[in-house]
Amino acid sequence: EFVKIGLMISLAKYIDIHKERVNEPFTLLKILAFAFLPVFLILLQP
């Protein structure tokens, strides 16, 4: 539950930093990896 807030803050900033290149495949993959690491850990709980 706390990680929800943590990821919303950190992902919002990470996207903001890369906003000019968000549709470049490599940049988008970096953003997705950044976003889905916590999701993967939550699925392991499960």
All heavy atoms as atom14 arrays in JSON, in Angstrom:
{
  "sequence": "EFVKIGLMISLAKYIDIHKERVNEPFTLLKILAFAFLPVFLILLQP",
  "atom14_mask": [
    [1, 1, 1, 1, 1, 1, 1, 1, 1, 0, 0, 0, 0, 0],
    [1, 1, 1, 1, 1, 1, 1, 1, 1, 1, 1, 0, 0, 0],
    [1, 1, 1, 1, 1, 1, 1, 0, 0, 0, 0, 0, 0, 0],
    [1, 1, 1, 1, 1, 1, 1, 1, 1, 0, 0, 0, 0, 0],
    [1, 1, 1, 1, 1, 1, 1, 1, 0, 0, 0, 0, 0, 0],
    [1, 1, 1, 1, 0, 0, 0, 0, 0, 0, 0, 0, 0, 0],
    [1, 1, 1, 1, 1, 1, 1, 1, 0, 0, 0, 0, 0, 0],
    [1, 1, 1, 1, 1, 1, 1, 1, 0, 0, 0, 0, 0, 0],
    [1, 1, 1, 1, 1, 1, 1, 1, 0, 0, 0, 0, 0, 0],
    [1, 1, 1, 1, 1, 1, 0, 0, 0, 0, 0, 0, 0, 0],
    [1, 1, 1, 1, 1, 1, 1, 1, 0, 0, 0, 0, 0, 0],
    [1, 1, 1, 1, 1, 0, 0, 0, 0, 0, 0, 0, 0, 0],
    [1, 1, 1, 1, 1, 1, 1, 1, 1, 0, 0, 0, 0, 0],
    [1, 1, 1, 1, 1, 1, 1, 1, 1, 1, 1, 1, 0, 0],
    [1, 1, 1, 1, 1, 1, 1, 1, 0, 0, 0, 0, 0, 0],
    [1, 1, 1, 1, 1, 1, 1, 1, 0, 0, 0, 0, 0, 0],
    [1, 1, 1, 1, 1, 1, 1, 1, 0, 0, 0, 0, 0, 0],
    [1, 1, 1, 1, 1, 1, 1, 1, 1, 1, 0, 0, 0, 0],
    [1, 1, 1, 1, 1, 1, 1, 1, 1, 0, 0, 0, 0, 0],
    [1, 1, 1, 1, 1, 1, 1, 1, 1, 0, 0, 0, 0, 0],
    [1, 1, 1, 1, 1, 1, 1, 1, 1, 1, 1, 0, 0, 0],
    [1, 1, 1, 1, 1, 1, 1, 0, 0, 0, 0, 0, 0, 0],
    [1, 1, 1, 1, 1, 1, 1, 1, 0, 0, 0, 0, 0, 0],
    [1, 1, 1, 1, 1, 1, 1, 1, 1, 0, 0, 0, 0, 0],
    [1, 1, 1, 1, 1, 1, 1, 0, 0, 0, 0, 0, 0, 0],
    [1, 1, 1, 1, 1, 1, 1, 1, 1, 1, 1, 0, 0, 0],
    [1, 1, 1, 1, 1, 1, 1, 0, 0, 0, 0, 0, 0, 0],
    [1, 1, 1, 1, 1, 1, 1, 1, 0, 0, 0, 0, 0, 0],
    [1, 1, 1, 1, 1, 1, 1, 1, 0, 0, 0, 0, 0, 0],
    [1, 1, 1, 1, 1, 1, 1, 1, 1, 0, 0, 0, 0, 0],
    [1, 1, 1, 1, 1, 1, 1, 1, 0, 0, 0, 0, 0, 0],
    [1, 1, 1, 1, 1, 1, 1, 1, 0, 0, 0, 0, 0, 0],
    [1, 1, 1, 1, 1, 0, 0, 0, 0, 0, 0, 0, 0, 0],
    [1, 1, 1, 1, 1, 1, 1, 1, 1, 1, 1, 0, 0, 0],
    [1, 1, 1, 1, 1, 0, 0, 0, 0, 0, 0, 0, 0, 0],
    [1, 1, 1, 1, 1, 1, 1, 1, 1, 1, 1, 0, 0, 0],
    [1, 1, 1, 1, 1, 1, 1, 1, 0, 0, 0, 0, 0, 0],
    [1, 1, 1, 1, 1, 1, 1, 0, 0, 0, 0, 0, 0, 0],
    [1, 1, 1, 1, 1, 1, 1, 0, 0, 0, 0, 0, 0, 0],
    [1, 1, 1, 1, 1, 1, 1, 1, 1, 1, 1, 0, 0, 0],
    [1, 1, 1, 1, 1, 1, 1, 1, 0, 0, 0, 0, 0, 0],
    [1, 1, 1, 1, 1, 1, 1, 1, 0, 0, 0, 0, 0, 0],
    [1, 1, 1, 1, 1, 1, 1, 1, 0, 0, 0, 0, 0, 0],
    [1, 1, 1, 1, 1, 1, 1, 1, 0, 0, 0, 0, 0, 0],
    [1, 1, 1, 1, 1, 1, 1, 1, 1, 0, 0, 0, 0, 0],
    [1, 1, 1, 1, 1, 1, 1, 0, 0, 0, 0, 0, 0, 0]
  ],
  "atom14_positions": [
    [[0.83, -1.2, 0.0], [0.0, 0.0, 0.0], [0.87, 1.26, 0.0], [0.6, 2.22, -0.73], [-0.94, 0.0, 1.22], [-2.04, -1.04, 1.16], [-3.03, -0.78, 0.03], [-3.23, 0.39, -0.34], [-3.57, -1.75, -0.51], [0.0, 0.0, 0.0], [0.0, 0.0, 0.0], [0.0, 0.0, 0.0], [0.0, 0.0, 0.0], [0.0, 0.0, 0.0]],
    [[1.92, 1.27, 0.81], [2.83, 2.41, 0.83], [3.65, 2.49, -0.47], [3.99, 3.57, -0.93], [3.76, 2.34, 2.04], [3.07, 2.55, 3.35], [2.9, 1.5, 4.24], [2.56, 3.79, 3.69], [2.25, 1.69, 5.45], [1.91, 4.0, 4.9], [1.75, 2.94, 5.78], [0.0, 0.0, 0.0], [0.0, 0.0, 0.0], [0.0, 0.0, 0.0]],
    [[3.94, 1.31, -1.03], [4.71, 1.28, -2.28], [3.91, 1.9, -3.43], [4.48, 2.46, -4.35], [5.14, -0.16, -2.61], [5.83, -0.24, -3.97], [6.08, -0.69, -1.53], [0.0, 0.0, 0.0], [0.0, 0.0, 0.0], [0.0, 0.0, 0.0], [0.0, 0.0, 0.0], [0.0, 0.0, 0.0], [0.0, 0.0, 0.0], [0.0, 0.0, 0.0]],
    [[2.58, 1.82, -3.36], [1.74, 2.51, -4.35], [2.15, 3.98, -4.44], [2.41, 4.51, -5.52], [0.27, 2.44, -3.97], [-0.44, 1.15, -4.26], [-1.89, 1.29, -3.81], [-2.61, -0.05, -3.82], [-3.97, 0.06, -3.25], [0.0, 0.0, 0.0], [0.0, 0.0, 0.0], [0.0, 0.0, 0.0], [0.0, 0.0, 0.0], [0.0, 0.0, 0.0]],
    [[2.21, 4.62, -3.28], [2.57, 6.05, -3.26], [4.0, 6.23, -3.71], [4.32, 7.13, -4.51], [2.37, 6.63, -1.85], [0.9, 6.56, -1.45], [2.86, 8.07, -1.79], [0.61, 7.06, -0.06], [0.0, 0.0, 0.0], [0.0, 0.0, 0.0], [0.0, 0.0, 0.0], [0.0, 0.0, 0.0], [0.0, 0.0, 0.0], [0.0, 0.0, 0.0]],
    [[4.89, 5.38, -3.21], [6.29, 5.48, -3.58], [6.51, 5.36, -5.07], [7.27, 6.14, -5.68], [0.0, 0.0, 0.0], [0.0, 0.0, 0.0], [0.0, 0.0, 0.0], [0.0, 0.0, 0.0], [0.0, 0.0, 0.0], [0.0, 0.0, 0.0], [0.0, 0.0, 0.0], [0.0, 0.0, 0.0], [0.0, 0.0, 0.0], [0.0, 0.0, 0.0]],
    [[5.81, 4.42, -5.71], [5.98, 4.23, -7.15], [5.33, 5.37, -7.93], [5.87, 5.81, -8.95], [5.4, 2.89, -7.59], [5.6, 2.56, -9.07], [7.07, 2.55, -9.45], [4.95, 1.22, -9.43], [0.0, 0.0, 0.0], [0.0, 0.0, 0.0], [0.0, 0.0, 0.0], [0.0, 0.0, 0.0], [0.0, 0.0, 0.0], [0.0, 0.0, 0.0]],
    [[4.19, 5.85, -7.47], [3.55, 6.97, -8.17], [4.45, 8.2, -8.17], [4.56, 8.9, -9.18], [2.19, 7.29, -7.55], [1.09, 6.32, -7.96], [-0.54, 6.76, -7.35], [-0.48, 6.16, -5.68], [0.0, 0.0, 0.0], [0.0, 0.0, 0.0], [0.0, 0.0, 0.0], [0.0, 0.0, 0.0], [0.0, 0.0, 0.0], [0.0, 0.0, 0.0]],
    [[5.1, 8.46, -7.05], [6.02, 9.6, -6.96], [7.23, 9.4, -7.86], [7.57, 10.24, -8.68], [6.46, 9.82, -5.5], [5.28, 10.25, -4.63], [7.6, 10.85, -5.42], [5.58, 10.23, -3.15], [0.0, 0.0, 0.0], [0.0, 0.0, 0.0], [0.0, 0.0, 0.0], [0.0, 0.0, 0.0], [0.0, 0.0, 0.0], [0.0, 0.0, 0.0]],
    [[7.89, 8.24, -7.69], [9.14, 8.0, -8.42], [8.9, 7.82, -9.92], [9.68, 8.32, -10.74], [9.87, 6.78, -7.84], [9.03, 5.65, -7.79], [0.0, 0.0, 0.0], [0.0, 0.0, 0.0], [0.0, 0.0, 0.0], [0.0, 0.0, 0.0], [0.0, 0.0, 0.0], [0.0, 0.0, 0.0], [0.0, 0.0, 0.0], [0.0, 0.0, 0.0]],
    [[7.82, 7.14, -10.3], [7.52, 6.96, -11.72], [7.14, 8.28, -12.37], [7.56, 8.56, -13.51], [6.41, 5.93, -11.91], [6.0, 5.64, -13.35], [7.17, 5.11, -14.16], [4.83, 4.64, -13.39], [0.0, 0.0, 0.0], [0.0, 0.0, 0.0], [0.0, 0.0, 0.0], [0.0, 0.0, 0.0], [0.0, 0.0, 0.0], [0.0, 0.0, 0.0]],
    [[6.37, 9.1, -11.67], [6.0, 10.41, -12.21], [7.24, 11.25, -12.48], [7.35, 11.9, -13.53], [5.07, 11.13, -11.24], [0.0, 0.0, 0.0], [0.0, 0.0, 0.0], [0.0, 0.0, 0.0], [0.0, 0.0, 0.0], [0.0, 0.0, 0.0], [0.0, 0.0, 0.0], [0.0, 0.0, 0.0], [0.0, 0.0, 0.0], [0.0, 0.0, 0.0]],
    [[8.19, 11.23, -11.57], [9.42, 11.99, -11.76], [10.27, 11.39, -12.87], [10.86, 12.13, -13.69], [10.22, 12.05, -10.45], [11.41, 12.99, -10.51], [10.97, 14.43, -10.71], [12.15, 15.38, -10.74], [11.72, 16.78, -10.95], [0.0, 0.0, 0.0], [0.0, 0.0, 0.0], [0.0, 0.0, 0.0], [0.0, 0.0, 0.0], [0.0, 0.0, 0.0]],
    [[10.35, 10.07, -12.92], [11.16, 9.4, -13.94], [10.61, 9.7, -15.34], [11.37, 9.95, -16.27], [11.17, 7.9, -13.68], [12.26, 7.15, -14.4], [13.59, 7.29, -14.03], [11.96, 6.29, -15.45], [14.6, 6.6, -14.69], [12.95, 5.58, -16.12], [14.27, 5.75, -15.73], [15.26, 5.07, -16.38], [0.0, 0.0, 0.0], [0.0, 0.0, 0.0]],
    [[9.28, 9.66, -15.48], [8.67, 10.0, -16.76], [8.91, 11.46, -17.09], [9.21, 11.82, -18.24], [7.16, 9.69, -16.75], [6.91, 8.19, -16.64], [6.49, 10.24, -18.01], [5.45, 7.81, -16.47], [0.0, 0.0, 0.0], [0.0, 0.0, 0.0], [0.0, 0.0, 0.0], [0.0, 0.0, 0.0], [0.0, 0.0, 0.0], [0.0, 0.0, 0.0]],
    [[8.8, 12.32, -16.08], [9.01, 13.76, -16.29], [10.42, 14.03, -16.81], [10.62, 14.86, -17.71], [8.78, 14.49, -14.96], [8.84, 16.0, -15.12], [8.37, 16.51, -16.14], [9.39, 16.67, -14.22], [0.0, 0.0, 0.0], [0.0, 0.0, 0.0], [0.0, 0.0, 0.0], [0.0, 0.0, 0.0], [0.0, 0.0, 0.0], [0.0, 0.0, 0.0]],
    [[11.4, 13.31, -16.27], [12.79, 13.49, -16.71], [12.95, 13.08, -18.18], [13.71, 13.7, -18.93], [13.74, 12.68, -15.81], [13.77, 13.28, -14.39], [15.15, 12.63, -16.38], [14.5, 12.42, -13.38], [0.0, 0.0, 0.0], [0.0, 0.0, 0.0], [0.0, 0.0, 0.0], [0.0, 0.0, 0.0], [0.0, 0.0, 0.0], [0.0, 0.0, 0.0]],
    [[12.23, 12.05, -18.59], [12.37, 11.51, -19.95], [11.2, 11.89, -20.86], [10.96, 11.24, -21.88], [12.48, 9.98, -19.9], [13.68, 9.48, -19.15], [13.68, 9.26, -17.79], [14.93, 9.17, -19.58], [14.88, 8.83, -17.41], [15.65, 8.77, -18.48], [0.0, 0.0, 0.0], [0.0, 0.0, 0.0], [0.0, 0.0, 0.0], [0.0, 0.0, 0.0]],
    [[10.46, 12.93, -20.51], [9.22, 13.24, -21.22], [9.43, 13.55, -22.7], [8.54, 13.3, -23.52], [8.5, 14.41, -20.53], [9.3, 15.69, -20.46], [8.59, 16.73, -19.62], [9.45, 17.98, -19.44], [8.82, 18.95, -18.53], [0.0, 0.0, 0.0], [0.0, 0.0, 0.0], [0.0, 0.0, 0.0], [0.0, 0.0, 0.0], [0.0, 0.0, 0.0]],
    [[10.59, 14.1, -23.05], [10.82, 14.45, -24.45], [11.09, 13.22, -25.32], [10.99, 13.29, -26.54], [12.01, 15.42, -24.56], [11.85, 16.72, -23.78], [10.66, 17.53, -24.24], [10.28, 17.39, -25.43], [10.09, 18.28, -23.43], [0.0, 0.0, 0.0], [0.0, 0.0, 0.0], [0.0, 0.0, 0.0], [0.0, 0.0, 0.0], [0.0, 0.0, 0.0]],
    [[11.44, 12.1, -24.68], [11.78, 10.88, -25.44], [10.93, 9.69, -25.04], [11.33, 8.55, -25.23], [13.27, 10.55, -25.23], [14.22, 11.67, -25.59], [15.67, 11.27, -25.43], [15.98, 10.76, -24.1], [16.24, 11.53, -23.04], [16.22, 12.86, -23.17], [16.52, 11.01, -21.87], [0.0, 0.0, 0.0], [0.0, 0.0, 0.0], [0.0, 0.0, 0.0]],
    [[9.74, 9.98, -24.48], [8.94, 8.9, -23.91], [8.5, 7.88, -24.96], [8.23, 6.71, -24.63], [7.72, 9.49, -23.17], [6.69, 10.07, -24.17], [7.07, 8.47, -22.28], [0.0, 0.0, 0.0], [0.0, 0.0, 0.0], [0.0, 0.0, 0.0], [0.0, 0.0, 0.0], [0.0, 0.0, 0.0], [0.0, 0.0, 0.0], [0.0, 0.0, 0.0]],
    [[8.44, 8.27, -26.25], [8.0, 7.34, -27.29], [9.16, 6.69, -28.04], [8.92, 5.97, -29.01], [7.07, 8.06, -28.26], [5.67, 8.22, -27.69], [5.01, 7.22, -27.39], [5.23, 9.45, -27.51], [0.0, 0.0, 0.0], [0.0, 0.0, 0.0], [0.0, 0.0, 0.0], [0.0, 0.0, 0.0], [0.0, 0.0, 0.0], [0.0, 0.0, 0.0]],
    [[10.38, 6.97, -27.61], [11.51, 6.24, -28.17], [11.55, 4.84, -27.54], [11.46, 4.72, -26.32], [12.81, 6.98, -27.9], [12.91, 8.33, -28.61], [14.19, 9.07, -28.28], [15.05, 8.47, -27.58], [14.34, 10.23, -28.72], [0.0, 0.0, 0.0], [0.0, 0.0, 0.0], [0.0, 0.0, 0.0], [0.0, 0.0, 0.0], [0.0, 0.0, 0.0]],
    [[11.67, 3.79, -28.34], [11.57, 2.42, -27.8], [12.48, 2.15, -26.61], [12.04, 1.57, -25.61], [11.95, 1.55, -29.02], [11.56, 2.36, -30.19], [11.83, 3.79, -29.81], [0.0, 0.0, 0.0], [0.0, 0.0, 0.0], [0.0, 0.0, 0.0], [0.0, 0.0, 0.0], [0.0, 0.0, 0.0], [0.0, 0.0, 0.0], [0.0, 0.0, 0.0]],
    [[13.76, 2.56, -26.69], [14.69, 2.28, -25.59], [14.27, 3.01, -24.32], [14.3, 2.44, -23.22], [16.12, 2.67, -25.98], [17.12, 2.41, -24.9], [17.45, 1.1, -24.54], [17.71, 3.46, -24.21], [18.37, 0.85, -23.52], [18.63, 3.22, -23.19], [18.96, 1.92, -22.85], [0.0, 0.0, 0.0], [0.0, 0.0, 0.0], [0.0, 0.0, 0.0]],
    [[13.87, 4.28, -24.47], [13.43, 5.05, -23.3], [12.17, 4.46, -22.69], [12.05, 4.34, -21.46], [13.17, 6.52, -23.71], [14.36, 7.08, -24.24], [12.72, 7.34, -22.51], [0.0, 0.0, 0.0], [0.0, 0.0, 0.0], [0.0, 0.0, 0.0], [0.0, 0.0, 0.0], [0.0, 0.0, 0.0], [0.0, 0.0, 0.0], [0.0, 0.0, 0.0]],
    [[11.23, 4.06, -23.55], [10.0, 3.47, -23.05], [10.26, 2.16, -22.33], [9.65, 1.87, -21.28], [9.03, 3.25, -24.21], [7.63, 2.72, -23.83], [6.95, 3.64, -22.84], [6.77, 2.55, -25.09], [0.0, 0.0, 0.0], [0.0, 0.0, 0.0], [0.0, 0.0, 0.0], [0.0, 0.0, 0.0], [0.0, 0.0, 0.0], [0.0, 0.0, 0.0]],
    [[11.19, 1.37, -22.84], [11.55, 0.11, -22.16], [12.17, 0.39, -20.79], [11.9, -0.34, -19.83], [12.53, -0.69, -23.03], [11.92, -1.41, -24.24], [13.02, -2.03, -25.09], [10.93, -2.48, -23.77], [0.0, 0.0, 0.0], [0.0, 0.0, 0.0], [0.0, 0.0, 0.0], [0.0, 0.0, 0.0], [0.0, 0.0, 0.0], [0.0, 0.0, 0.0]],
    [[12.98, 1.43, -20.69], [13.56, 1.8, -19.39], [12.46, 2.19, -18.4], [12.5, 1.8, -17.24], [14.54, 2.97, -19.55], [15.87, 2.61, -20.17], [16.92, 3.69, -19.89], [16.48, 5.06, -20.36], [17.53, 6.07, -20.12], [0.0, 0.0, 0.0], [0.0, 0.0, 0.0], [0.0, 0.0, 0.0], [0.0, 0.0, 0.0], [0.0, 0.0, 0.0]],
    [[11.49, 2.96, -18.89], [10.39, 3.39, -18.01], [9.57, 2.18, -17.57], [9.19, 2.06, -16.39], [9.5, 4.41, -18.75], [10.27, 5.71, -18.99], [8.23, 4.68, -17.96], [9.54, 6.71, -19.86], [0.0, 0.0, 0.0], [0.0, 0.0, 0.0], [0.0, 0.0, 0.0], [0.0, 0.0, 0.0], [0.0, 0.0, 0.0], [0.0, 0.0, 0.0]],
    [[9.3, 1.25, -18.49], [8.53, 0.06, -18.15], [9.27, -0.82, -17.16], [8.66, -1.37, -16.23], [8.2, -0.73, -19.42], [7.19, -0.08, -20.37], [7.06, -0.9, -21.65], [5.83, 0.08, -19.7], [0.0, 0.0, 0.0], [0.0, 0.0, 0.0], [0.0, 0.0, 0.0], [0.0, 0.0, 0.0], [0.0, 0.0, 0.0], [0.0, 0.0, 0.0]],
    [[10.59, -0.97, -17.34], [11.38, -1.76, -16.39], [11.36, -1.11, -15.01], [11.22, -1.79, -13.98], [12.82, -1.89, -16.9], [0.0, 0.0, 0.0], [0.0, 0.0, 0.0], [0.0, 0.0, 0.0], [0.0, 0.0, 0.0], [0.0, 0.0, 0.0], [0.0, 0.0, 0.0], [0.0, 0.0, 0.0], [0.0, 0.0, 0.0], [0.0, 0.0, 0.0]],
    [[11.49, 0.2, -14.99], [11.44, 0.97, -13.74], [10.1, 0.76, -13.05], [10.03, 0.56, -11.83], [11.66, 2.45, -14.07], [11.77, 3.35, -12.88], [13.0, 3.63, -12.31], [10.64, 3.95, -12.33], [13.11, 4.48, -11.22], [10.73, 4.79, -11.24], [11.97, 5.06, -10.68], [0.0, 0.0, 0.0], [0.0, 0.0, 0.0], [0.0, 0.0, 0.0]],
    [[9.01, 0.77, -13.83], [7.67, 0.69, -13.26], [7.31, -0.72, -12.81], [6.64, -0.9, -11.78], [6.65, 1.19, -14.29], [0.0, 0.0, 0.0], [0.0, 0.0, 0.0], [0.0, 0.0, 0.0], [0.0, 0.0, 0.0], [0.0, 0.0, 0.0], [0.0, 0.0, 0.0], [0.0, 0.0, 0.0], [0.0, 0.0, 0.0], [0.0, 0.0, 0.0]],
    [[7.75, -1.74, -13.57], [7.25, -3.08, -13.32], [8.12, -3.93, -12.39], [7.72, -5.04, -12.05], [7.02, -3.81, -14.65], [5.71, -3.44, -15.28], [5.63, -2.4, -16.2], [4.55, -4.1, -14.95], [4.43, -2.04, -16.77], [3.34, -3.76, -15.52], [3.28, -2.72, -16.43], [0.0, 0.0, 0.0], [0.0, 0.0, 0.0], [0.0, 0.0, 0.0]],
    [[9.26, -3.43, -11.96], [10.03, -4.17, -10.94], [9.22, -4.35, -9.66], [9.11, -5.47, -9.14], [11.36, -3.46, -10.66], [12.19, -4.06, -9.52], [12.52, -5.53, -9.79], [13.47, -3.25, -9.31], [0.0, 0.0, 0.0], [0.0, 0.0, 0.0], [0.0, 0.0, 0.0], [0.0, 0.0, 0.0], [0.0, 0.0, 0.0], [0.0, 0.0, 0.0]],
    [[8.59, -3.29, -9.11], [7.75, -3.49, -7.92], [6.56, -4.42, -8.19], [6.17, -5.21, -7.32], [7.27, -2.08, -7.58], [8.26, -1.16, -8.21], [8.7, -1.86, -9.45], [0.0, 0.0, 0.0], [0.0, 0.0, 0.0], [0.0, 0.0, 0.0], [0.0, 0.0, 0.0], [0.0, 0.0, 0.0], [0.0, 0.0, 0.0], [0.0, 0.0, 0.0]],
    [[5.99, -4.36, -9.39], [4.87, -5.23, -9.73], [5.3, -6.69, -9.69], [4.59, -7.56, -9.17], [4.3, -4.88, -11.12], [3.18, -5.83, -11.5], [3.8, -3.44, -11.15], [0.0, 0.0, 0.0], [0.0, 0.0, 0.0], [0.0, 0.0, 0.0], [0.0, 0.0, 0.0], [0.0, 0.0, 0.0], [0.0, 0.0, 0.0], [0.0, 0.0, 0.0]],
    [[6.48, -6.97, -10.24], [7.01, -8.33, -10.23], [7.2, -8.84, -8.79], [6.84, -9.99, -8.47], [8.34, -8.36, -10.97], [9.05, -9.68, -10.92], [8.57, -10.77, -11.63], [10.2, -9.84, -10.15], [9.22, -12.01, -11.58], [10.85, -11.06, -10.09], [10.35, -12.15, -10.81], [0.0, 0.0, 0.0], [0.0, 0.0, 0.0], [0.0, 0.0, 0.0]],
    [[7.71, -7.99, -7.91], [7.91, -8.38, -6.51], [6.58, -8.64, -5.82], [6.48, -9.52, -4.96], [8.71, -7.3, -5.78], [10.14, -7.08, -6.26], [10.79, -5.91, -5.52], [10.97, -8.35, -6.05], [0.0, 0.0, 0.0], [0.0, 0.0, 0.0], [0.0, 0.0, 0.0], [0.0, 0.0, 0.0], [0.0, 0.0, 0.0], [0.0, 0.0, 0.0]],
    [[5.55, -7.88, -6.18], [4.23, -8.09, -5.58], [3.62, -9.4, -6.07], [2.99, -10.14, -5.3], [3.31, -6.89, -5.91], [3.77, -5.66, -5.13], [1.85, -7.2, -5.57], [3.12, -4.38, -5.56], [0.0, 0.0, 0.0], [0.0, 0.0, 0.0], [0.0, 0.0, 0.0], [0.0, 0.0, 0.0], [0.0, 0.0, 0.0], [0.0, 0.0, 0.0]],
    [[3.83, -9.73, -7.34], [3.32, -10.99, -7.87], [3.97, -12.19, -7.19], [3.37, -13.27, -7.12], [3.54, -11.05, -9.38], [2.63, -10.17, -10.23], [3.09, -10.15, -11.68], [1.18, -10.67, -10.16], [0.0, 0.0, 0.0], [0.0, 0.0, 0.0], [0.0, 0.0, 0.0], [0.0, 0.0, 0.0], [0.0, 0.0, 0.0], [0.0, 0.0, 0.0]],
    [[5.18, -12.03, -6.69], [5.86, -13.13, -6.01], [5.3, -13.4, -4.62], [5.59, -14.44, -4.02], [7.37, -12.82, -5.9], [8.17, -12.81, -7.2], [9.63, -12.47, -6.92], [8.08, -14.16, -7.91], [0.0, 0.0, 0.0], [0.0, 0.0, 0.0], [0.0, 0.0, 0.0], [0.0, 0.0, 0.0], [0.0, 0.0, 0.0], [0.0, 0.0, 0.0]],
    [[4.47, -12.51, -4.08], [4.0, -12.67, -2.7], [3.09, -13.89, -2.5], [3.19, -14.5, -1.4], [3.31, -11.38, -2.24], [4.28, -10.21, -2.14], [3.6, -8.92, -1.71], [2.41, -8.9, -1.35], [4.34, -7.82, -1.72], [0.0, 0.0, 0.0], [0.0, 0.0, 0.0], [0.0, 0.0, 0.0], [0.0, 0.0, 0.0], [0.0, 0.0, 0.0]],
    [[2.12, -14.32, -3.27], [1.61, -13.66, -4.48], [0.39, -12.81, -4.13], [-0.43, -13.19, -3.3], [1.21, -14.85, -5.34], [0.75, -15.88, -4.35], [1.56, -15.67, -3.09], [0.0, 0.0, 0.0], [0.0, 0.0, 0.0], [0.0, 0.0, 0.0], [0.0, 0.0, 0.0], [0.0, 0.0, 0.0], [0.0, 0.0, 0.0], [0.0, 0.0, 0.0]]
  ]
}
